[in-house]
Amino acid sequence: MTAEAAKPAHARNLVRAFTLLDILAEATEGLTLAEVAVAASLPEATAHRLLNVLEDLKVVRVGEGNRWRVGRHLLELGAAYLDSVEIRSEARDLMAHLTEATGETCALGVLDEDRVVYIEKTDSPHPVRMHSGIGRSNPAVTSSLGRAILAFSPDWVVESAMAGGLPRRTERTVTDAEALLAELHRCRERGYSVDDAENEPGIRAVGAPVLDYRGRPVAALSVAGPEQRVRADRLDELGRATAEAARELSFRLGYSPHRSGGR
C-alpha cells in the first residue's frame, strides 16, 4: 500500500488538490483538463471534480480555450502571507538604493526547507535583466540567496538542504558536496556568496545574509544580472555592496554584532 493510499479519502483529495495548484502555478499559459490530469497522474474525471471544487473557492479559474489557471483568491492568500513578513517593508528602500547603485535586479529571499523563496525584488532598469517573480523559488544550494543563508546557518540546516542531492542547473553548477561546503566557507569568510551562472544560464549573482537580533540568518539579499554586465571582475564590488545593504537590514531587525559574536 502506498503512503497516499494509506491516507483517509478526504486527506488524499486535499493532497491532490494542492498538487493541482502546484501544477497550475507553474503553467502561466494555463492547461487543458487533459493536460492537468496527465501532469497530476489522475483520471480526468477526478481532476475535473477537484478543479470544480477549487473553482468554487476561487483559487483556480477556467478561461479561453477551456484552459485552467490559478485564480484571484490564491493571489489574495499569497499577499496575506507576504504582508505578514515585515522584513519586506524594512528592506524596500535598501533594495531600491542597491538597484540604483548597481544597475541590477535586487531580490530578497527566505529559506523554506531546501529552497529559497523570493518575497520581494526591485527590477534593473536595463531592458535585459533577470526575471525572478515574487513567490518563485530556487534550490538553496545553487542560488546566491540560498548559499548566503546556508553559509551562516547551523550544520543541520545545511545538511537538510543538501539531503536531496545537489541538482545540476547549468553546466557550471557545483554538484560535489565537498566543493559546495568549501564555497559556503568562502562565503562566511568574505561576507557574501557567489552564483557564477550556476543556477540559471548566463546569470551571475551575489548574495548576503540578513541576520536577526540573535545573529541567525532569516533572509538574504542578492544582486543579479546577465554575465555580460555582472562580469567576474565586478563580483567583489557587488558582493560588498550587497553585504552592506544586508548588514543595514540586519540592524533594522535588531541585530547587534556585540550581542551576536560579531560579523
Protein backbone atom coordinates (compact mmCIF):
# COMPACT_ATOMS: atom_id res chain seq x y z
CA MET A 1 0.00 0.00 0.00
CA THR A 2 1.40 3.44 -0.96
CA ALA A 3 1.67 6.32 1.50
CA GLU A 4 -1.11 8.17 -0.34
CA ALA A 5 -3.42 5.15 -0.38
CA ALA A 6 -2.99 4.80 3.38
CA LYS A 7 -4.43 8.28 3.96
CA PRO A 8 -8.18 8.81 4.50
CA ALA A 9 -10.09 9.77 1.34
CA HIS A 10 -10.51 13.43 2.36
CA ALA A 11 -6.78 13.73 3.08
CA ARG A 12 -5.90 12.18 -0.30
CA ASN A 13 -8.19 14.66 -2.04
CA LEU A 14 -6.59 17.55 -0.17
CA VAL A 15 -3.13 16.44 -1.23
CA ARG A 16 -4.32 16.03 -4.82
CA ALA A 17 -5.92 19.48 -4.81
CA PHE A 18 -2.66 21.09 -3.70
CA THR A 19 -0.85 19.09 -6.37
CA LEU A 20 -3.15 20.62 -8.98
CA LEU A 21 -2.46 24.09 -7.60
CA ASP A 22 1.29 23.48 -7.83
CA ILE A 23 0.93 22.31 -11.42
CA LEU A 24 -1.17 25.30 -12.47
CA ALA A 25 1.12 27.73 -10.67
CA GLU A 26 3.94 26.64 -12.99
CA ALA A 27 1.78 26.84 -16.14
CA THR A 28 1.43 30.56 -16.85
CA GLU A 29 -0.40 29.90 -20.14
CA GLY A 30 -2.87 27.56 -18.45
CA LEU A 31 -3.58 23.88 -19.08
CA THR A 32 -6.47 21.92 -20.50
CA LEU A 33 -8.24 19.38 -18.33
CA ALA A 34 -6.45 16.56 -20.14
CA GLU A 35 -3.06 18.20 -19.57
CA VAL A 36 -3.80 18.75 -15.89
CA ALA A 37 -4.85 15.11 -15.47
CA VAL A 38 -1.69 13.83 -17.16
CA ALA A 39 0.57 16.13 -15.12
CA ALA A 40 -1.10 15.01 -11.88
CA SER A 41 -1.32 11.32 -12.87
CA LEU A 42 -5.05 11.39 -12.21
CA PRO A 43 -8.11 10.23 -14.19
CA GLU A 44 -9.73 13.15 -15.99
CA ALA A 45 -12.94 12.71 -14.02
CA THR A 46 -11.07 13.01 -10.71
CA ALA A 47 -9.07 16.01 -11.88
CA HIS A 48 -12.25 17.70 -13.15
CA ARG A 49 -14.06 17.14 -9.84
CA LEU A 50 -11.18 18.62 -7.86
CA LEU A 51 -10.85 21.57 -10.23
CA ASN A 52 -14.54 22.34 -9.86
CA VAL A 53 -14.19 22.46 -6.07
CA LEU A 54 -11.12 24.71 -6.36
CA GLU A 55 -13.00 26.93 -8.83
CA ASP A 56 -15.83 27.34 -6.30
CA LEU A 57 -13.18 28.51 -3.82
CA LYS A 58 -11.82 30.91 -6.48
CA VAL A 59 -8.29 29.54 -6.24
CA VAL A 60 -8.44 28.32 -9.87
CA ARG A 61 -10.35 29.56 -12.90
CA VAL A 62 -11.11 28.30 -16.37
CA GLY A 63 -10.88 30.70 -19.29
CA GLU A 64 -10.41 30.95 -23.02
CA GLY A 65 -9.85 27.63 -24.73
CA ASN A 66 -11.04 25.82 -21.60
CA ARG A 67 -7.59 26.30 -20.10
CA TRP A 68 -7.29 26.19 -16.33
CA ARG A 69 -5.22 28.76 -14.43
CA VAL A 70 -4.70 29.85 -10.84
CA GLY A 71 -7.42 32.16 -9.51
CA ARG A 72 -7.51 35.52 -7.75
CA HIS A 73 -8.08 34.11 -4.27
CA LEU A 74 -4.72 32.38 -4.48
CA LEU A 75 -3.17 35.81 -5.05
CA GLU A 76 -5.06 37.16 -2.03
CA LEU A 77 -3.75 34.31 0.13
CA GLY A 78 -0.22 34.86 -1.14
CA ALA A 79 -0.48 38.60 -0.49
CA ALA A 80 -1.69 37.94 3.05
CA TYR A 81 1.36 35.74 3.65
CA LEU A 82 3.74 38.32 2.21
CA ASP A 83 2.15 41.14 4.19
CA SER A 84 2.81 39.18 7.36
CA VAL A 85 6.54 39.17 6.59
CA GLU A 86 7.53 42.57 7.99
CA ILE A 87 11.06 42.28 6.70
CA ARG A 88 9.79 43.28 3.26
CA SER A 89 8.75 46.77 4.32
CA GLU A 90 12.08 47.29 6.08
CA ALA A 91 14.00 46.14 3.02
CA ARG A 92 12.33 48.10 0.21
CA ASP A 93 14.27 51.34 0.38
CA LEU A 94 17.57 49.49 0.80
CA MET A 95 16.78 47.33 -2.20
CA ALA A 96 15.82 50.33 -4.31
CA HIS A 97 19.09 52.03 -3.40
CA LEU A 98 21.06 48.85 -4.17
CA THR A 99 19.45 48.54 -7.61
CA GLU A 100 20.10 52.23 -8.30
CA ALA A 101 23.74 51.88 -7.27
CA THR A 102 24.46 48.66 -9.17
CA GLY A 103 22.02 48.88 -12.08
CA GLU A 104 20.97 45.29 -11.45
CA THR A 105 17.98 43.40 -10.05
CA CYS A 106 17.91 43.09 -6.26
CA ALA A 107 15.97 40.29 -4.56
CA LEU A 108 15.02 39.38 -1.01
CA GLY A 109 14.54 35.70 -0.20
CA VAL A 110 13.83 33.40 2.72
CA LEU A 111 14.73 29.75 3.23
CA ASP A 112 11.94 27.18 3.01
CA GLU A 113 13.46 23.77 3.75
CA ASP A 114 15.81 23.12 0.80
CA ARG A 115 14.60 26.02 -1.35
CA VAL A 116 14.79 29.78 -1.19
CA VAL A 117 11.61 31.77 -1.90
CA TYR A 118 11.64 35.27 -3.40
CA ILE A 119 9.49 37.59 -1.26
CA GLU A 120 10.48 40.99 -2.70
CA LYS A 121 12.50 42.42 -5.58
CA THR A 122 13.43 45.61 -7.40
CA ASP A 123 13.99 45.31 -11.13
CA SER A 124 17.02 46.52 -13.04
CA PRO A 125 16.33 49.49 -15.32
CA HIS A 126 18.07 47.66 -18.17
CA PRO A 127 15.87 46.00 -20.83
CA VAL A 128 17.87 42.78 -20.45
CA ARG A 129 17.62 41.67 -16.84
CA MET A 130 16.98 38.74 -14.54
CA HIS A 131 13.27 37.84 -14.35
CA SER A 132 12.60 36.35 -10.92
CA GLY A 133 8.99 36.57 -9.81
CA ILE A 134 7.92 37.10 -6.21
CA GLY A 135 6.76 33.79 -4.81
CA ARG A 136 9.06 31.77 -7.06
CA SER A 137 11.71 29.54 -5.56
CA ASN A 138 15.08 28.03 -6.42
CA PRO A 139 17.23 25.34 -4.83
CA ALA A 140 19.06 26.88 -1.88
CA VAL A 141 22.31 25.13 -2.78
CA THR A 142 22.55 26.66 -6.26
CA SER A 143 21.30 30.22 -5.69
CA SER A 144 23.23 33.13 -4.21
CA LEU A 145 20.34 33.84 -1.82
CA GLY A 146 20.26 30.27 -0.55
CA ARG A 147 24.01 29.97 -0.24
CA ALA A 148 24.20 33.22 1.73
CA ILE A 149 21.67 31.87 4.23
CA LEU A 150 23.23 28.41 4.42
CA ALA A 151 26.72 29.78 4.94
CA PHE A 152 25.63 31.37 8.22
CA SER A 153 23.27 28.58 9.30
CA PRO A 154 23.86 25.67 11.70
CA ASP A 155 25.28 22.48 10.20
CA TRP A 156 21.95 20.64 10.45
CA VAL A 157 20.27 23.25 8.22
CA VAL A 158 22.99 22.84 5.59
CA GLU A 159 22.78 19.05 5.80
CA SER A 160 19.00 19.18 5.41
CA ALA A 161 19.27 21.41 2.34
CA MET A 162 21.79 19.01 0.79
CA ALA A 163 19.94 15.83 1.75
CA GLY A 164 18.14 15.54 -1.55
CA GLY A 165 21.35 15.88 -3.56
CA LEU A 166 22.87 18.76 -5.47
CA PRO A 167 20.88 19.43 -8.65
CA ARG A 168 22.75 20.32 -11.83
CA ARG A 169 21.03 23.51 -13.01
CA THR A 170 23.66 24.56 -15.55
CA GLU A 171 27.00 23.32 -16.87
CA ARG A 172 28.73 25.31 -14.12
CA THR A 173 26.68 24.09 -11.16
CA VAL A 174 28.72 22.71 -8.25
CA THR A 175 27.42 19.18 -7.70
CA ASP A 176 30.14 17.92 -5.37
CA ALA A 177 29.23 18.21 -1.68
CA GLU A 178 32.78 18.97 -0.52
CA ALA A 179 33.15 21.70 -3.15
CA LEU A 180 29.87 23.28 -2.08
CA LEU A 181 30.88 23.23 1.61
CA ALA A 182 34.15 24.91 0.63
CA GLU A 183 32.18 27.59 -1.22
CA LEU A 184 29.97 28.16 1.82
CA HIS A 185 33.11 28.56 3.92
CA ARG A 186 34.42 31.19 1.46
CA CYS A 187 31.08 32.97 1.73
CA ARG A 188 31.43 33.20 5.51
CA GLU A 189 34.97 34.50 5.15
CA ARG A 190 34.20 37.29 2.68
CA GLY A 191 30.63 38.05 3.81
CA TYR A 192 28.83 37.30 0.55
CA SER A 193 28.03 34.35 -1.70
CA VAL A 194 28.55 33.93 -5.44
CA ASP A 195 26.42 32.18 -8.05
CA ASP A 196 28.59 32.10 -11.17
CA ALA A 197 25.80 31.24 -13.65
CA GLU A 198 25.23 28.03 -11.66
CA ASN A 199 21.52 28.46 -11.01
CA GLU A 200 20.45 29.96 -14.34
CA PRO A 201 22.46 30.00 -17.58
CA GLY A 202 24.01 33.39 -18.30
CA ILE A 203 23.05 34.93 -14.93
CA ARG A 204 25.59 35.82 -12.26
CA ALA A 205 24.57 36.80 -8.74
CA VAL A 206 25.93 37.66 -5.33
CA GLY A 207 24.09 37.33 -2.03
CA ALA A 208 24.48 38.32 1.60
CA PRO A 209 22.68 37.11 4.75
CA VAL A 210 20.20 39.14 6.77
CA LEU A 211 20.57 38.36 10.48
CA ASP A 212 18.05 38.81 13.29
CA TYR A 213 18.68 40.02 16.84
CA ARG A 214 20.06 36.58 17.73
CA GLY A 215 22.54 36.65 14.87
CA ARG A 216 20.64 33.97 12.96
CA PRO A 217 20.10 34.25 9.20
CA VAL A 218 16.41 34.92 8.50
CA ALA A 219 16.73 36.03 4.87
CA ALA A 220 19.22 37.16 2.26
CA LEU A 221 19.63 39.95 -0.28
CA SER A 222 21.03 39.37 -3.75
CA VAL A 223 22.10 41.33 -6.80
CA ALA A 224 21.85 39.51 -10.11
CA GLY A 225 22.15 40.20 -13.81
CA PRO A 226 23.46 38.95 -17.17
CA GLU A 227 27.10 37.92 -17.04
CA GLN A 228 27.88 40.44 -19.80
CA ARG A 229 27.24 43.18 -17.22
CA VAL A 230 27.91 41.25 -14.00
CA ARG A 231 31.45 40.43 -15.04
CA ALA A 232 33.75 38.37 -12.86
CA ASP A 233 35.80 41.48 -12.05
CA ARG A 234 32.66 43.16 -10.61
CA LEU A 235 31.75 40.37 -8.21
CA ASP A 236 33.71 41.72 -5.26
CA GLU A 237 32.33 45.24 -5.72
CA LEU A 238 28.76 43.95 -6.00
CA GLY A 239 29.26 41.49 -3.15
CA ARG A 240 30.48 44.20 -0.80
CA ALA A 241 27.59 46.50 -1.72
CA THR A 242 25.09 43.70 -1.16
CA ALA A 243 26.68 42.77 2.16
CA GLU A 244 26.49 46.39 3.31
CA ALA A 245 22.76 46.59 2.46
CA ALA A 246 22.13 43.25 4.19
CA ARG A 247 24.03 44.48 7.25
CA GLU A 248 21.85 47.59 7.45
CA LEU A 249 18.70 45.50 7.12
CA SER A 250 20.04 43.23 9.89
CA PHE A 251 20.49 46.26 12.16
CA ARG A 252 16.88 47.26 11.47
CA LEU A 253 15.79 43.81 12.64
CA GLY A 254 17.64 44.26 15.92
CA TYR A 255 20.95 42.62 15.06
CA SER A 256 23.93 43.69 17.16
CA PRO A 257 27.44 42.35 16.47
CA HIS A 258 28.28 42.78 20.14
CA ARG A 259 25.41 40.56 21.27
CA SER A 260 25.80 38.07 18.44
CA GLY A 261 29.53 37.45 18.41
CA GLY A 262 30.31 39.86 15.58
CA ARG A 263 30.05 39.79 11.81
